Amino acid sequence: MALMITDECINCDVCEPVCPNDAIYEGEEIYEINPDLCTECVGHFDEPQCVEICPIDCIPKDPNHVESEGDLMAKYKRITGQ
């Protein structure tokens, strides 16, 4: 699954720079995650970096973008050209 940022986001700016796929961007009200770029850090790290660094725990899995570990790895390979 891709991840999503909930309305509890406080716009602290810590998640966006740690995303290896540049999937996180500043939305109109809160930060948002582009599901086409989010691999939950599969291929880069063992854990999603945005989840690790978020001080308020507002980045759950996005139920609208269900993906298996294999799907996330395929997306990682597509994004990185590997």
N, C-alpha and C. Protein backbone atom coordinates (compact mmCIF):
# COMPACT_ATOMS: atom_id res chain seq x y z
N MET A 1 0.83 -1.19 0.00
CA MET A 1 0.00 0.00 0.00
C MET A 1 0.87 1.24 0.00
N ALA A 2 0.40 2.24 -0.64
CA ALA A 2 1.02 3.54 -0.48
C ALA A 2 0.60 4.06 0.89
N LEU A 3 1.29 5.06 1.35
CA LEU A 3 0.94 5.69 2.61
C LEU A 3 0.13 6.95 2.33
N MET A 4 -0.48 7.48 3.39
CA MET A 4 -1.22 8.73 3.26
C MET A 4 -0.99 9.55 4.52
N ILE A 5 -1.18 10.85 4.41
CA ILE A 5 -1.04 11.74 5.55
C ILE A 5 -2.45 12.19 5.94
N THR A 6 -2.77 12.06 7.22
CA THR A 6 -4.11 12.39 7.69
C THR A 6 -4.21 13.87 8.09
N ASP A 7 -5.44 14.27 8.40
CA ASP A 7 -5.71 15.65 8.80
C ASP A 7 -5.02 16.05 10.10
N GLU A 8 -4.48 15.10 10.83
CA GLU A 8 -3.77 15.44 12.06
C GLU A 8 -2.40 16.07 11.78
N CYS A 9 -1.96 16.08 10.53
CA CYS A 9 -0.68 16.66 10.14
C CYS A 9 -0.57 18.09 10.67
N ILE A 10 0.59 18.41 11.25
CA ILE A 10 0.82 19.75 11.79
C ILE A 10 1.77 20.56 10.91
N ASN A 11 2.05 20.08 9.71
CA ASN A 11 2.92 20.77 8.76
C ASN A 11 4.29 21.10 9.36
N CYS A 12 4.87 20.13 10.03
CA CYS A 12 6.16 20.36 10.69
C CYS A 12 7.35 20.28 9.72
N ASP A 13 7.10 19.85 8.50
CA ASP A 13 8.12 19.81 7.44
C ASP A 13 9.20 18.73 7.61
N VAL A 14 9.02 17.75 8.49
CA VAL A 14 10.09 16.76 8.66
C VAL A 14 9.97 15.58 7.71
N CYS A 15 8.77 15.28 7.22
CA CYS A 15 8.59 14.10 6.38
C CYS A 15 9.06 14.31 4.95
N GLU A 16 8.80 15.44 4.39
CA GLU A 16 9.08 15.68 2.97
C GLU A 16 10.54 15.46 2.60
N PRO A 17 11.51 15.99 3.35
CA PRO A 17 12.90 15.79 2.93
C PRO A 17 13.44 14.37 3.10
N VAL A 18 12.79 13.52 3.90
CA VAL A 18 13.31 12.17 4.10
C VAL A 18 12.77 11.17 3.09
N CYS A 19 11.82 11.56 2.25
CA CYS A 19 11.24 10.64 1.28
C CYS A 19 12.21 10.41 0.12
N PRO A 20 12.68 9.17 -0.06
CA PRO A 20 13.66 8.91 -1.13
C PRO A 20 13.06 8.98 -2.53
N ASN A 21 11.74 8.93 -2.65
CA ASN A 21 11.09 8.96 -3.96
C ASN A 21 10.46 10.31 -4.28
N ASP A 22 10.64 11.29 -3.42
CA ASP A 22 10.02 12.61 -3.60
C ASP A 22 8.50 12.49 -3.76
N ALA A 23 7.90 11.56 -3.01
CA ALA A 23 6.46 11.34 -3.09
C ALA A 23 5.67 12.31 -2.21
N ILE A 24 6.34 12.94 -1.24
CA ILE A 24 5.66 13.84 -0.31
C ILE A 24 5.81 15.27 -0.80
N TYR A 25 4.71 15.97 -0.78
CA TYR A 25 4.72 17.37 -1.21
C TYR A 25 3.75 18.19 -0.36
N GLU A 26 3.95 19.49 -0.37
CA GLU A 26 3.10 20.38 0.40
C GLU A 26 1.79 20.60 -0.34
N GLY A 27 0.69 20.15 0.27
CA GLY A 27 -0.63 20.33 -0.32
C GLY A 27 -1.20 21.69 0.08
N GLU A 28 -2.46 21.90 -0.22
CA GLU A 28 -3.09 23.18 0.10
C GLU A 28 -3.18 23.42 1.60
N GLU A 29 -3.47 22.37 2.37
CA GLU A 29 -3.61 22.54 3.82
C GLU A 29 -2.59 21.73 4.62
N ILE A 30 -2.28 20.53 4.15
CA ILE A 30 -1.31 19.66 4.83
C ILE A 30 -0.42 19.02 3.79
N TYR A 31 0.63 18.35 4.26
CA TYR A 31 1.46 17.60 3.33
C TYR A 31 0.66 16.42 2.79
N GLU A 32 0.98 16.02 1.57
CA GLU A 32 0.29 14.93 0.92
C GLU A 32 1.32 13.97 0.32
N ILE A 33 0.86 12.76 0.01
CA ILE A 33 1.73 11.74 -0.59
C ILE A 33 1.16 11.33 -1.93
N ASN A 34 2.00 11.37 -2.95
CA ASN A 34 1.61 10.91 -4.28
C ASN A 34 1.69 9.39 -4.27
N PRO A 35 0.56 8.69 -4.36
CA PRO A 35 0.58 7.22 -4.29
C PRO A 35 1.32 6.57 -5.46
N ASP A 36 1.46 7.27 -6.56
CA ASP A 36 2.19 6.71 -7.70
C ASP A 36 3.70 6.68 -7.45
N LEU A 37 4.16 7.44 -6.47
CA LEU A 37 5.59 7.48 -6.15
C LEU A 37 5.93 6.82 -4.82
N CYS A 38 4.94 6.60 -3.98
CA CYS A 38 5.20 6.03 -2.66
C CYS A 38 5.40 4.52 -2.75
N THR A 39 6.55 4.06 -2.26
CA THR A 39 6.84 2.63 -2.19
C THR A 39 6.97 2.17 -0.74
N GLU A 40 6.56 3.01 0.21
CA GLU A 40 6.75 2.73 1.63
C GLU A 40 8.23 2.49 1.91
N CYS A 41 9.08 3.10 1.12
CA CYS A 41 10.54 3.01 1.20
C CYS A 41 11.08 1.63 0.84
N VAL A 42 10.22 0.74 0.29
CA VAL A 42 10.70 -0.56 -0.19
C VAL A 42 11.78 -0.30 -1.25
N GLY A 43 12.89 -1.00 -1.13
CA GLY A 43 14.01 -0.81 -2.04
C GLY A 43 15.03 0.18 -1.51
N HIS A 44 14.61 1.03 -0.58
CA HIS A 44 15.52 2.03 0.00
C HIS A 44 15.85 1.72 1.45
N PHE A 45 14.81 1.50 2.26
CA PHE A 45 14.96 1.31 3.70
C PHE A 45 14.05 0.18 4.18
N ASP A 46 14.31 -0.30 5.38
CA ASP A 46 13.48 -1.36 5.97
C ASP A 46 12.15 -0.83 6.45
N GLU A 47 12.08 0.43 6.84
CA GLU A 47 10.86 1.06 7.34
C GLU A 47 10.61 2.36 6.60
N PRO A 48 9.35 2.75 6.43
CA PRO A 48 9.05 4.04 5.81
C PRO A 48 9.65 5.18 6.63
N GLN A 49 10.47 5.98 6.01
CA GLN A 49 11.17 7.03 6.72
C GLN A 49 10.23 8.12 7.24
N CYS A 50 9.18 8.42 6.51
CA CYS A 50 8.25 9.45 6.96
C CYS A 50 7.53 9.01 8.23
N VAL A 51 7.18 7.73 8.30
CA VAL A 51 6.51 7.18 9.49
C VAL A 51 7.47 7.22 10.67
N GLU A 52 8.73 6.88 10.42
CA GLU A 52 9.73 6.87 11.49
C GLU A 52 9.94 8.25 12.09
N ILE A 53 9.91 9.29 11.26
CA ILE A 53 10.25 10.63 11.72
C ILE A 53 9.05 11.47 12.16
N CYS A 54 7.85 11.07 11.78
CA CYS A 54 6.65 11.86 12.09
C CYS A 54 6.44 11.95 13.60
N PRO A 55 6.37 13.17 14.14
CA PRO A 55 6.22 13.32 15.59
C PRO A 55 4.81 13.05 16.11
N ILE A 56 3.81 12.99 15.24
CA ILE A 56 2.45 12.80 15.73
C ILE A 56 1.76 11.55 15.18
N ASP A 57 2.47 10.73 14.46
CA ASP A 57 1.92 9.45 13.99
C ASP A 57 0.67 9.65 13.13
N CYS A 58 0.81 10.43 12.05
CA CYS A 58 -0.34 10.70 11.19
C CYS A 58 -0.16 10.16 9.78
N ILE A 59 0.68 9.12 9.62
CA ILE A 59 0.95 8.57 8.29
C ILE A 59 0.65 7.07 8.27
N PRO A 60 -0.63 6.71 8.09
CA PRO A 60 -1.00 5.29 7.99
C PRO A 60 -0.94 4.80 6.54
N LYS A 61 -1.19 3.52 6.36
CA LYS A 61 -1.33 2.95 5.02
C LYS A 61 -2.62 3.49 4.40
N ASP A 62 -2.58 3.73 3.11
CA ASP A 62 -3.73 4.27 2.39
C ASP A 62 -4.61 3.12 1.90
N PRO A 63 -5.80 2.95 2.47
CA PRO A 63 -6.66 1.83 2.07
C PRO A 63 -7.16 1.93 0.62
N ASN A 64 -7.00 3.09 0.01
CA ASN A 64 -7.42 3.27 -1.38
C ASN A 64 -6.34 2.85 -2.37
N HIS A 65 -5.15 2.52 -1.86
CA HIS A 65 -4.04 2.13 -2.73
C HIS A 65 -3.37 0.89 -2.17
N VAL A 66 -4.07 -0.24 -2.23
CA VAL A 66 -3.56 -1.50 -1.70
C VAL A 66 -2.54 -2.08 -2.67
N GLU A 67 -1.33 -2.38 -2.14
CA GLU A 67 -0.26 -2.95 -2.96
C GLU A 67 0.50 -3.98 -2.13
N SER A 68 0.93 -5.03 -2.78
CA SER A 68 1.74 -6.05 -2.10
C SER A 68 3.20 -5.58 -2.05
N GLU A 69 4.00 -6.31 -1.30
CA GLU A 69 5.44 -6.03 -1.24
C GLU A 69 6.04 -6.12 -2.65
N GLY A 70 5.59 -7.09 -3.43
CA GLY A 70 6.07 -7.24 -4.81
C GLY A 70 5.67 -6.06 -5.68
N ASP A 71 4.44 -5.57 -5.50
CA ASP A 71 3.99 -4.38 -6.23
C ASP A 71 4.86 -3.17 -5.89
N LEU A 72 5.15 -3.02 -4.59
CA LEU A 72 5.97 -1.88 -4.16
C LEU A 72 7.38 -1.99 -4.71
N MET A 73 7.94 -3.20 -4.76
CA MET A 73 9.28 -3.39 -5.32
C MET A 73 9.28 -3.10 -6.82
N ALA A 74 8.24 -3.52 -7.52
CA ALA A 74 8.14 -3.23 -8.96
C ALA A 74 8.05 -1.72 -9.18
N LYS A 75 7.30 -1.03 -8.33
CA LYS A 75 7.19 0.42 -8.46
C LYS A 75 8.54 1.07 -8.18
N TYR A 76 9.25 0.59 -7.15
CA TYR A 76 10.60 1.09 -6.84
C TYR A 76 11.52 0.95 -8.06
N LYS A 77 11.49 -0.24 -8.68
CA LYS A 77 12.36 -0.48 -9.85
C LYS A 77 11.98 0.43 -11.01
N ARG A 78 10.69 0.66 -11.20
CA ARG A 78 10.23 1.55 -12.28
C ARG A 78 10.68 2.98 -12.01
N ILE A 79 10.52 3.44 -10.78
CA ILE A 79 10.87 4.81 -10.43
C ILE A 79 12.36 5.06 -10.53
N THR A 80 13.16 4.08 -10.07
CA THR A 80 14.61 4.26 -10.04
C THR A 80 15.31 3.81 -11.32
N GLY A 81 14.56 3.20 -12.23
CA GLY A 81 15.16 2.75 -13.49
C GLY A 81 16.00 1.50 -13.34
N GLN A 82 15.74 0.73 -12.33
CA GLN A 82 16.54 -0.50 -12.10
C GLN A 82 15.85 -1.71 -12.69
